[in-house]
Every structure is written in structure tokens, then in C-alpha cells.
């Protein structure tokens, strides 16, 4: 049995992540979302691996390598790759969120503004990813002789830390903004409803004990400090 004190930090990380997941990042029409869920289910039945519709092969390799560090597999559960986080991010790039249609995208743009002023770039998320990945790979190739996905894992992790701290100067995009977007989307993909392409087999929900879209909790409202005995349920009806 895992030590509860050991697993607590990972659970706390994802519980806190729930509070920062913007609803806009998961927004799409119900019909389109359910159609995507049907497509994903059909692909799973056929045994087909997900093929990215937005990211190039090189970008896809970067996404996999990066999110594998952000939410790694550990003794307490699967990580970002098994949960389908790359697929979630790729799908979001094709929706209004990725296209910047859910944000105010008019100037003036102030990349140096305080964080509480919100997103300040002229690029939609899909453009931020495209420019950011290219800039990071170019920096890695110039500095270390290989693109990010081809570097050893220890160096990859250090580069991500340096991006987060703003210690790396990328061309055309602030390193912190690029990293923060990637981290936020990784958390969203790990904790979203599976109909969005991530949280496959509801591994994120199981980790934190979230019951999902069950319709009736009336019998459990007054039962404090009692473990909920039923597994999670997706909006699509899938059960974990």
C-alpha cells in the first residue's frame, strides 16, 4: 500500500489544478464534442492510434516529450501520455479556444504587463504553440545540437524549468507564456471529461476521487468523511 503522505502532494496538485482550469478551454458545441467522442471511440475499437490533425510530426514529438515531464507516470497512477493529454491539446487547437475565438484578441498588446492583466499576446493559442515549439527547438539545436524531443530526459527537464523561470530567451514568444500555456493545457487534458480526448479511462478523476458526471449525489450529501464508493462517469455515459 502506498504511504498516504507520499501520494498527498500529487493529489493536491491535481485538486488545485481543477480550480484553475478555465471553462473556455473546454468549450465547444455539444454536437461537435460528442461527434469527436464517437470518432475517438471508433478509433479505439479499431485499434488505431490517434493521428494529430493540427500538429506536425516534429511538433507532436515535442508535445509528447514535454507533457511526459509535466505529468509523469508514477507508482500512484498513469501520466499525461497514457491519459491522452497530447490528443486533448491537438483537439483543442481545432476548436474556438485554439483559434482564439473565445478571447478578446484586439490591441494594444502588452507582453510586459502584470500577470493579473491576463493574456497579452496577439497570437491565438494554436499560433503560440506553433511559434513556441519552433523557437524552443531552434534554441535547443543551437545550444545542445538536437531538438528538444531528441535530448536526454534530464536535460529536457532542466530546459522546461528554465522556460518556466524565463531563463531562456525564445524568438518571437515569451518563454514563460509558452510554458504556462503548455502546463495549463496539460492539466486540463489530464482532468477533463474524456469526451474531449484526454483523461482516458478517467485516470485523472480516479487519482483525485472525482465522481464525474453522475446525476444523483443526494444520498451522500450528509455523509462527511466517507469515501464515495462508485467510480466516475463521463458525460458520454462511459464508466471508469
C-alpha atoms as a PDB file:
ATOM      1  CA  UNK A   1       0.000   0.000   0.000  1.00  0.00           C
ATOM      2  CA  UNK A   2       1.357   3.481  -0.875  1.00  0.00           C
ATOM      3  CA  UNK A   3       2.041   5.784   2.013  1.00  0.00           C
ATOM      4  CA  UNK A   4      -0.799   8.385   2.172  1.00  0.00           C
ATOM      5  CA  UNK A   5       1.767  11.072   2.923  1.00  0.00           C
ATOM      6  CA  UNK A   6       3.602  10.236  -0.307  1.00  0.00           C
ATOM      7  CA  UNK A   7       0.544  10.374  -2.548  1.00  0.00           C
ATOM      8  CA  UNK A   8      -0.868  13.534  -0.937  1.00  0.00           C
ATOM      9  CA  UNK A   9       1.302  16.036  -2.893  1.00  0.00           C
ATOM     10  CA  UNK A  10       0.290  14.569  -6.271  1.00  0.00           C
ATOM     11  CA  UNK A  11      -3.392  14.561  -5.356  1.00  0.00           C
ATOM     12  CA  UNK A  12      -3.130  18.091  -4.000  1.00  0.00           C
ATOM     13  CA  UNK A  13      -1.501  19.205  -7.295  1.00  0.00           C
ATOM     14  CA  UNK A  14      -4.488  17.966  -9.305  1.00  0.00           C
ATOM     15  CA  UNK A  15      -7.106  19.202  -6.863  1.00  0.00           C
ATOM     16  CA  UNK A  16      -5.582  22.672  -7.105  1.00  0.00           C
ATOM     17  CA  UNK A  17      -5.423  22.320 -10.880  1.00  0.00           C
ATOM     18  CA  UNK A  18      -9.193  21.893 -11.038  1.00  0.00           C
ATOM     19  CA  UNK A  19      -9.667  25.392  -9.669  1.00  0.00           C
ATOM     20  CA  UNK A  20      -7.587  26.982 -12.448  1.00  0.00           C
ATOM     21  CA  UNK A  21      -8.958  25.075 -15.428  1.00  0.00           C
ATOM     22  CA  UNK A  22     -10.783  27.749 -17.449  1.00  0.00           C
ATOM     23  CA  UNK A  23     -14.129  26.675 -18.808  1.00  0.00           C
ATOM     24  CA  UNK A  24     -13.263  28.398 -22.065  1.00  0.00           C
ATOM     25  CA  UNK A  25     -10.506  25.895 -22.712  1.00  0.00           C
ATOM     26  CA  UNK A  26     -13.076  23.104 -22.785  1.00  0.00           C
ATOM     27  CA  UNK A  27     -15.785  24.966 -24.654  1.00  0.00           C
ATOM     28  CA  UNK A  28     -17.231  23.618 -27.889  1.00  0.00           C
ATOM     29  CA  UNK A  29     -20.655  22.883 -29.239  1.00  0.00           C
ATOM     30  CA  UNK A  30     -22.247  19.793 -27.726  1.00  0.00           C
ATOM     31  CA  UNK A  31     -22.812  18.232 -31.126  1.00  0.00           C
ATOM     32  CA  UNK A  32     -19.199  18.658 -32.225  1.00  0.00           C
ATOM     33  CA  UNK A  33     -17.855  17.414 -28.905  1.00  0.00           C
ATOM     34  CA  UNK A  34     -19.981  14.281 -28.925  1.00  0.00           C
ATOM     35  CA  UNK A  35     -19.020  13.659 -32.555  1.00  0.00           C
ATOM     36  CA  UNK A  36     -15.371  13.797 -31.542  1.00  0.00           C
ATOM     37  CA  UNK A  37     -16.098  11.346 -28.743  1.00  0.00           C
ATOM     38  CA  UNK A  38     -17.701   8.963 -31.236  1.00  0.00           C
ATOM     39  CA  UNK A  39     -14.680   9.274 -33.536  1.00  0.00           C
ATOM     40  CA  UNK A  40     -12.292   8.599 -30.651  1.00  0.00           C
ATOM     41  CA  UNK A  41     -14.305   5.576 -29.550  1.00  0.00           C
ATOM     42  CA  UNK A  42     -14.387   4.194 -33.078  1.00  0.00           C
ATOM     43  CA  UNK A  43     -10.631   4.626 -33.360  1.00  0.00           C
ATOM     44  CA  UNK A  44     -10.087   2.842 -30.072  1.00  0.00           C
ATOM     45  CA  UNK A  45     -12.250  -0.088 -31.143  1.00  0.00           C
ATOM     46  CA  UNK A  46     -10.358  -0.331 -34.422  1.00  0.00           C
ATOM     47  CA  UNK A  47      -7.060  -0.215 -32.546  1.00  0.00           C
ATOM     48  CA  UNK A  48      -5.929   2.897 -34.383  1.00  0.00           C
ATOM     49  CA  UNK A  49      -3.507   5.308 -32.762  1.00  0.00           C
ATOM     50  CA  UNK A  50      -4.615   8.933 -32.717  1.00  0.00           C
ATOM     51  CA  UNK A  51      -3.214  10.954 -35.610  1.00  0.00           C
ATOM     52  CA  UNK A  52      -2.803  14.694 -34.899  1.00  0.00           C
ATOM     53  CA  UNK A  53      -4.859  16.972 -37.098  1.00  0.00           C
ATOM     54  CA  UNK A  54      -3.050  20.205 -36.191  1.00  0.00           C
ATOM     55  CA  UNK A  55       0.477  19.443 -35.008  1.00  0.00           C
ATOM     56  CA  UNK A  56       3.236  18.413 -37.391  1.00  0.00           C
ATOM     57  CA  UNK A  57       5.349  15.323 -36.718  1.00  0.00           C
ATOM     58  CA  UNK A  58       8.084  17.415 -35.090  1.00  0.00           C
ATOM     59  CA  UNK A  59       5.589  19.392 -33.018  1.00  0.00           C
ATOM     60  CA  UNK A  60       3.859  16.174 -31.958  1.00  0.00           C
ATOM     61  CA  UNK A  61       7.181  14.775 -30.726  1.00  0.00           C
ATOM     62  CA  UNK A  62       7.791  17.966 -28.723  1.00  0.00           C
ATOM     63  CA  UNK A  63       4.338  17.827 -27.105  1.00  0.00           C
ATOM     64  CA  UNK A  64       4.803  14.192 -26.084  1.00  0.00           C
ATOM     65  CA  UNK A  65       8.257  14.793 -24.627  1.00  0.00           C
ATOM     66  CA  UNK A  66       7.186  17.932 -22.730  1.00  0.00           C
ATOM     67  CA  UNK A  67       3.934  16.721 -21.148  1.00  0.00           C
ATOM     68  CA  UNK A  68       5.626  13.470 -20.148  1.00  0.00           C
ATOM     69  CA  UNK A  69       7.716  15.593 -17.764  1.00  0.00           C
ATOM     70  CA  UNK A  70       4.861  17.852 -16.642  1.00  0.00           C
ATOM     71  CA  UNK A  71       2.651  14.928 -15.543  1.00  0.00           C
ATOM     72  CA  UNK A  72       4.835  11.832 -15.378  1.00  0.00           C
ATOM     73  CA  UNK A  73       3.698   8.310 -14.661  1.00  0.00           C
ATOM     74  CA  UNK A  74       4.496   7.249 -11.119  1.00  0.00           C
ATOM     75  CA  UNK A  75       3.622   4.422  -8.697  1.00  0.00           C
ATOM     76  CA  UNK A  76       0.264   6.062  -7.976  1.00  0.00           C
ATOM     77  CA  UNK A  77      -1.063   6.254 -11.498  1.00  0.00           C
ATOM     78  CA  UNK A  78      -0.580   6.896 -15.232  1.00  0.00           C
ATOM     79  CA  UNK A  79       0.832  10.149 -16.528  1.00  0.00           C
ATOM     80  CA  UNK A  80      -0.021  12.575 -19.317  1.00  0.00           C
ATOM     81  CA  UNK A  81       0.807  10.220 -22.198  1.00  0.00           C
ATOM     82  CA  UNK A  82      -1.409   7.358 -21.029  1.00  0.00           C
ATOM     83  CA  UNK A  83      -4.166   9.847 -20.198  1.00  0.00           C
ATOM     84  CA  UNK A  84      -4.194  11.185 -23.776  1.00  0.00           C
ATOM     85  CA  UNK A  85      -3.071  14.723 -22.947  1.00  0.00           C
ATOM     86  CA  UNK A  86      -1.373  15.216 -26.356  1.00  0.00           C
ATOM     87  CA  UNK A  87      -4.599  14.223 -28.102  1.00  0.00           C
ATOM     88  CA  UNK A  88      -6.576  16.664 -25.937  1.00  0.00           C
ATOM     89  CA  UNK A  89      -4.237  19.546 -26.812  1.00  0.00           C
ATOM     90  CA  UNK A  90      -4.347  18.726 -30.531  1.00  0.00           C
ATOM     91  CA  UNK A  91      -8.153  18.653 -30.494  1.00  0.00           C
ATOM     92  CA  UNK A  92      -8.292  21.991 -28.672  1.00  0.00           C
ATOM     93  CA  UNK A  93      -6.212  23.613 -31.401  1.00  0.00           C
ATOM     94  CA  UNK A  94      -9.022  22.841 -33.842  1.00  0.00           C
ATOM     95  CA  UNK A  95     -11.751  24.364 -31.658  1.00  0.00           C
ATOM     96  CA  UNK A  96     -12.667  28.000 -30.843  1.00  0.00           C
ATOM     97  CA  UNK A  97     -10.234  28.009 -27.906  1.00  0.00           C
ATOM     98  CA  UNK A  98      -7.257  27.120 -30.077  1.00  0.00           C
ATOM     99  CA  UNK A  99      -8.292  29.640 -32.702  1.00  0.00           C
ATOM    100  CA  UNK A 100      -8.542  32.448 -30.153  1.00  0.00           C
ATOM    101  CA  UNK A 101     -12.266  32.959 -30.751  1.00  0.00           C
ATOM    102  CA  UNK A 102     -13.122  32.851 -27.055  1.00  0.00           C
ATOM    103  CA  UNK A 103     -10.803  35.688 -26.031  1.00  0.00           C
ATOM    104  CA  UNK A 104     -10.604  39.398 -26.651  1.00  0.00           C
ATOM    105  CA  UNK A 105      -7.830  39.477 -29.249  1.00  0.00           C
ATOM    106  CA  UNK A 106      -7.623  43.179 -30.136  1.00  0.00           C
ATOM    107  CA  UNK A 107      -4.758  45.507 -29.241  1.00  0.00           C
ATOM    108  CA  UNK A 108      -2.985  47.099 -27.595  1.00  0.00           C
ATOM    109  CA  UNK A 109      -0.816  44.107 -26.710  1.00  0.00           C
ATOM    110  CA  UNK A 110       1.467  44.387 -23.693  1.00  0.00           C
ATOM    111  CA  UNK A 111       3.637  41.257 -23.208  1.00  0.00           C
ATOM    112  CA  UNK A 112       5.320  43.003 -20.274  1.00  0.00           C
ATOM    113  CA  UNK A 113       2.044  43.647 -18.429  1.00  0.00           C
ATOM    114  CA  UNK A 114       1.395  42.303 -14.930  1.00  0.00           C
ATOM    115  CA  UNK A 115       0.020  38.716 -14.797  1.00  0.00           C
ATOM    116  CA  UNK A 116      -3.343  39.893 -13.449  1.00  0.00           C
ATOM    117  CA  UNK A 117      -3.907  41.683 -16.766  1.00  0.00           C
ATOM    118  CA  UNK A 118      -4.344  38.302 -18.458  1.00  0.00           C
ATOM    119  CA  UNK A 119      -3.135  37.075 -21.826  1.00  0.00           C
ATOM    120  CA  UNK A 120      -1.391  39.882 -23.709  1.00  0.00           C
ATOM    121  CA  UNK A 121      -0.139  38.374 -26.985  1.00  0.00           C
ATOM    122  CA  UNK A 122      -1.592  38.828 -30.457  1.00  0.00           C
ATOM    123  CA  UNK A 123      -1.258  35.083 -31.145  1.00  0.00           C
ATOM    124  CA  UNK A 124      -4.121  32.628 -30.710  1.00  0.00           C
ATOM    125  CA  UNK A 125      -3.155  29.505 -28.707  1.00  0.00           C
ATOM    126  CA  UNK A 126      -2.562  27.457 -31.851  1.00  0.00           C
ATOM    127  CA  UNK A 127      -0.168  30.126 -33.151  1.00  0.00           C
ATOM    128  CA  UNK A 128       1.544  30.325 -29.767  1.00  0.00           C
ATOM    129  CA  UNK A 129       2.206  26.580 -29.889  1.00  0.00           C
ATOM    130  CA  UNK A 130       3.480  26.680 -33.456  1.00  0.00           C
ATOM    131  CA  UNK A 131       5.812  29.616 -32.853  1.00  0.00           C
ATOM    132  CA  UNK A 132       6.841  28.462 -29.369  1.00  0.00           C
ATOM    133  CA  UNK A 133       7.724  24.901 -30.331  1.00  0.00           C
ATOM    134  CA  UNK A 134       9.727  26.079 -33.341  1.00  0.00           C
ATOM    135  CA  UNK A 135      11.580  28.656 -31.247  1.00  0.00           C
ATOM    136  CA  UNK A 136      12.327  26.155 -28.479  1.00  0.00           C
ATOM    137  CA  UNK A 137      13.570  23.522 -30.928  1.00  0.00           C
ATOM    138  CA  UNK A 138      15.786  26.103 -32.628  1.00  0.00           C
ATOM    139  CA  UNK A 139      17.213  27.168 -29.259  1.00  0.00           C
ATOM    140  CA  UNK A 140      17.859  23.537 -28.290  1.00  0.00           C
ATOM    141  CA  UNK A 141      19.516  22.753 -31.635  1.00  0.00           C
ATOM    142  CA  UNK A 142      21.727  25.835 -31.386  1.00  0.00           C
ATOM    143  CA  UNK A 143      22.622  25.270 -27.728  1.00  0.00           C
ATOM    144  CA  UNK A 144      22.700  21.470 -27.447  1.00  0.00           C
ATOM    145  CA  UNK A 145      22.898  20.216 -31.038  1.00  0.00           C
ATOM    146  CA  UNK A 146      19.489  18.496 -31.057  1.00  0.00           C
ATOM    147  CA  UNK A 147      15.822  19.468 -30.967  1.00  0.00           C
ATOM    148  CA  UNK A 148      14.014  19.158 -27.641  1.00  0.00           C
ATOM    149  CA  UNK A 149      12.452  15.719 -28.220  1.00  0.00           C
ATOM    150  CA  UNK A 150      15.850  14.201 -29.053  1.00  0.00           C
ATOM    151  CA  UNK A 151      17.631  15.390 -25.901  1.00  0.00           C
ATOM    152  CA  UNK A 152      18.110  13.184 -22.850  1.00  0.00           C
ATOM    153  CA  UNK A 153      15.358  13.384 -20.249  1.00  0.00           C
ATOM    154  CA  UNK A 154      17.398  15.146 -17.586  1.00  0.00           C
ATOM    155  CA  UNK A 155      18.267  17.952 -19.998  1.00  0.00           C
ATOM    156  CA  UNK A 156      14.668  18.180 -21.200  1.00  0.00           C
ATOM    157  CA  UNK A 157      13.508  18.655 -17.625  1.00  0.00           C
ATOM    158  CA  UNK A 158      16.059  21.372 -16.979  1.00  0.00           C
ATOM    159  CA  UNK A 159      15.021  23.207 -20.148  1.00  0.00           C
ATOM    160  CA  UNK A 160      11.388  23.138 -19.045  1.00  0.00           C
ATOM    161  CA  UNK A 161      12.393  24.578 -15.673  1.00  0.00           C
ATOM    162  CA  UNK A 162      14.354  27.305 -17.422  1.00  0.00           C
ATOM    163  CA  UNK A 163      11.403  28.114 -19.679  1.00  0.00           C
ATOM    164  CA  UNK A 164       9.149  28.385 -16.648  1.00  0.00           C
ATOM    165  CA  UNK A 165      11.611  30.701 -14.918  1.00  0.00           C
ATOM    166  CA  UNK A 166      12.145  32.812 -18.032  1.00  0.00           C
ATOM    167  CA  UNK A 167      15.845  31.994 -18.159  1.00  0.00           C
ATOM    168  CA  UNK A 168      15.671  31.096 -21.857  1.00  0.00           C
ATOM    169  CA  UNK A 169      15.081  33.791 -24.471  1.00  0.00           C
ATOM    170  CA  UNK A 170      12.962  32.418 -27.308  1.00  0.00           C
ATOM    171  CA  UNK A 171      12.460  34.174 -30.625  1.00  0.00           C
ATOM    172  CA  UNK A 172       9.052  35.804 -31.112  1.00  0.00           C
ATOM    173  CA  UNK A 173       7.384  34.457 -27.933  1.00  0.00           C
ATOM    174  CA  UNK A 174       7.913  34.917 -24.167  1.00  0.00           C
ATOM    175  CA  UNK A 175       9.240  31.663 -22.705  1.00  0.00           C
ATOM    176  CA  UNK A 176       7.075  31.890 -19.577  1.00  0.00           C
ATOM    177  CA  UNK A 177       3.870  32.428 -21.545  1.00  0.00           C
ATOM    178  CA  UNK A 178       4.644  29.467 -23.771  1.00  0.00           C
ATOM    179  CA  UNK A 179       5.427  27.225 -20.796  1.00  0.00           C
ATOM    180  CA  UNK A 180       2.406  28.376 -18.783  1.00  0.00           C
ATOM    181  CA  UNK A 181       0.068  27.639 -21.696  1.00  0.00           C
ATOM    182  CA  UNK A 182       1.539  24.176 -22.137  1.00  0.00           C
ATOM    183  CA  UNK A 183       1.284  23.413 -18.412  1.00  0.00           C
ATOM    184  CA  UNK A 184      -2.286  24.700 -18.150  1.00  0.00           C
ATOM    185  CA  UNK A 185      -3.424  22.678 -21.163  1.00  0.00           C
ATOM    186  CA  UNK A 186      -1.673  19.577 -19.805  1.00  0.00           C
ATOM    187  CA  UNK A 187      -3.604  19.880 -16.536  1.00  0.00           C
ATOM    188  CA  UNK A 188      -6.842  20.421 -18.443  1.00  0.00           C
ATOM    189  CA  UNK A 189      -6.180  17.345 -20.584  1.00  0.00           C
ATOM    190  CA  UNK A 190      -5.485  15.210 -17.542  1.00  0.00           C
ATOM    191  CA  UNK A 191      -8.646  16.291 -15.702  1.00  0.00           C
ATOM    192  CA  UNK A 192     -11.166  16.972 -18.480  1.00  0.00           C
ATOM    193  CA  UNK A 193     -14.162  14.830 -19.306  1.00  0.00           C
ATOM    194  CA  UNK A 194     -12.942  12.037 -21.607  1.00  0.00           C
ATOM    195  CA  UNK A 195     -15.186  13.273 -24.423  1.00  0.00           C
ATOM    196  CA  UNK A 196     -12.547  15.970 -25.018  1.00  0.00           C
ATOM    197  CA  UNK A 197      -9.861  13.408 -25.834  1.00  0.00           C
ATOM    198  CA  UNK A 198      -7.926  13.451 -22.558  1.00  0.00           C
ATOM    199  CA  UNK A 199      -8.336  11.781 -19.155  1.00  0.00           C
ATOM    200  CA  UNK A 200      -8.614   8.417 -20.885  1.00  0.00           C
ATOM    201  CA  UNK A 201     -10.186   5.717 -18.724  1.00  0.00           C
ATOM    202  CA  UNK A 202     -10.762   8.614 -16.308  1.00  0.00           C
ATOM    203  CA  UNK A 203      -7.334   8.105 -14.756  1.00  0.00           C
ATOM    204  CA  UNK A 204      -7.182  11.728 -13.575  1.00  0.00           C
ATOM    205  CA  UNK A 205     -10.547  11.536 -11.867  1.00  0.00           C
ATOM    206  CA  UNK A 206      -9.687   8.233 -10.225  1.00  0.00           C
ATOM    207  CA  UNK A 207      -6.470   9.702  -8.864  1.00  0.00           C
ATOM    208  CA  UNK A 208      -8.277  12.501  -7.005  1.00  0.00           C
ATOM    209  CA  UNK A 209     -11.520  10.628  -6.287  1.00  0.00           C
ATOM    210  CA  UNK A 210     -13.727  12.780  -8.515  1.00  0.00           C
ATOM    211  CA  UNK A 211     -17.021  11.028  -9.440  1.00  0.00           C
ATOM    212  CA  UNK A 212     -17.513  12.811 -12.757  1.00  0.00           C
ATOM    213  CA  UNK A 213     -20.945  13.408 -14.245  1.00  0.00           C
ATOM    214  CA  UNK A 214     -23.050  11.183 -12.007  1.00  0.00           C
ATOM    215  CA  UNK A 215     -26.560  12.559 -11.861  1.00  0.00           C
ATOM    216  CA  UNK A 216     -27.525  11.969  -8.234  1.00  0.00           C
ATOM    217  CA  UNK A 217     -25.492  12.513  -5.078  1.00  0.00           C
ATOM    218  CA  UNK A 218     -28.435  13.124  -2.737  1.00  0.00           C
ATOM    219  CA  UNK A 219     -27.712  10.067  -0.597  1.00  0.00           C
ATOM    220  CA  UNK A 220     -24.154  11.222   0.008  1.00  0.00           C
ATOM    221  CA  UNK A 221     -24.555  14.932   0.738  1.00  0.00           C
ATOM    222  CA  UNK A 222     -24.635  14.435   4.504  1.00  0.00           C
ATOM    223  CA  UNK A 223     -22.058  11.639   4.715  1.00  0.00           C
ATOM    224  CA  UNK A 224     -18.952  13.602   5.571  1.00  0.00           C
ATOM    225  CA  UNK A 225     -15.505  11.969   5.598  1.00  0.00           C
ATOM    226  CA  UNK A 226     -16.967   8.898   3.907  1.00  0.00           C
ATOM    227  CA  UNK A 227     -15.328   7.561   0.763  1.00  0.00           C
ATOM    228  CA  UNK A 228     -17.665   7.680  -2.230  1.00  0.00           C
ATOM    229  CA  UNK A 229     -17.926   4.031  -3.334  1.00  0.00           C
ATOM    230  CA  UNK A 230     -18.747   4.403  -7.027  1.00  0.00           C
ATOM    231  CA  UNK A 231     -16.378   5.055  -9.913  1.00  0.00           C
ATOM    232  CA  UNK A 232     -16.512   8.126 -12.158  1.00  0.00           C
ATOM    233  CA  UNK A 233     -18.843   8.571 -15.120  1.00  0.00           C
ATOM    234  CA  UNK A 234     -18.236  10.608 -18.275  1.00  0.00           C
ATOM    235  CA  UNK A 235     -20.813  12.907 -19.851  1.00  0.00           C
ATOM    236  CA  UNK A 236     -20.957  10.342 -22.681  1.00  0.00           C
ATOM    237  CA  UNK A 237     -22.029   7.627 -20.222  1.00  0.00           C
ATOM    238  CA  UNK A 238     -18.664   5.865 -20.144  1.00  0.00           C
ATOM    239  CA  UNK A 239     -17.878   4.463 -16.706  1.00  0.00           C
ATOM    240  CA  UNK A 240     -14.495   4.350 -15.085  1.00  0.00           C
END
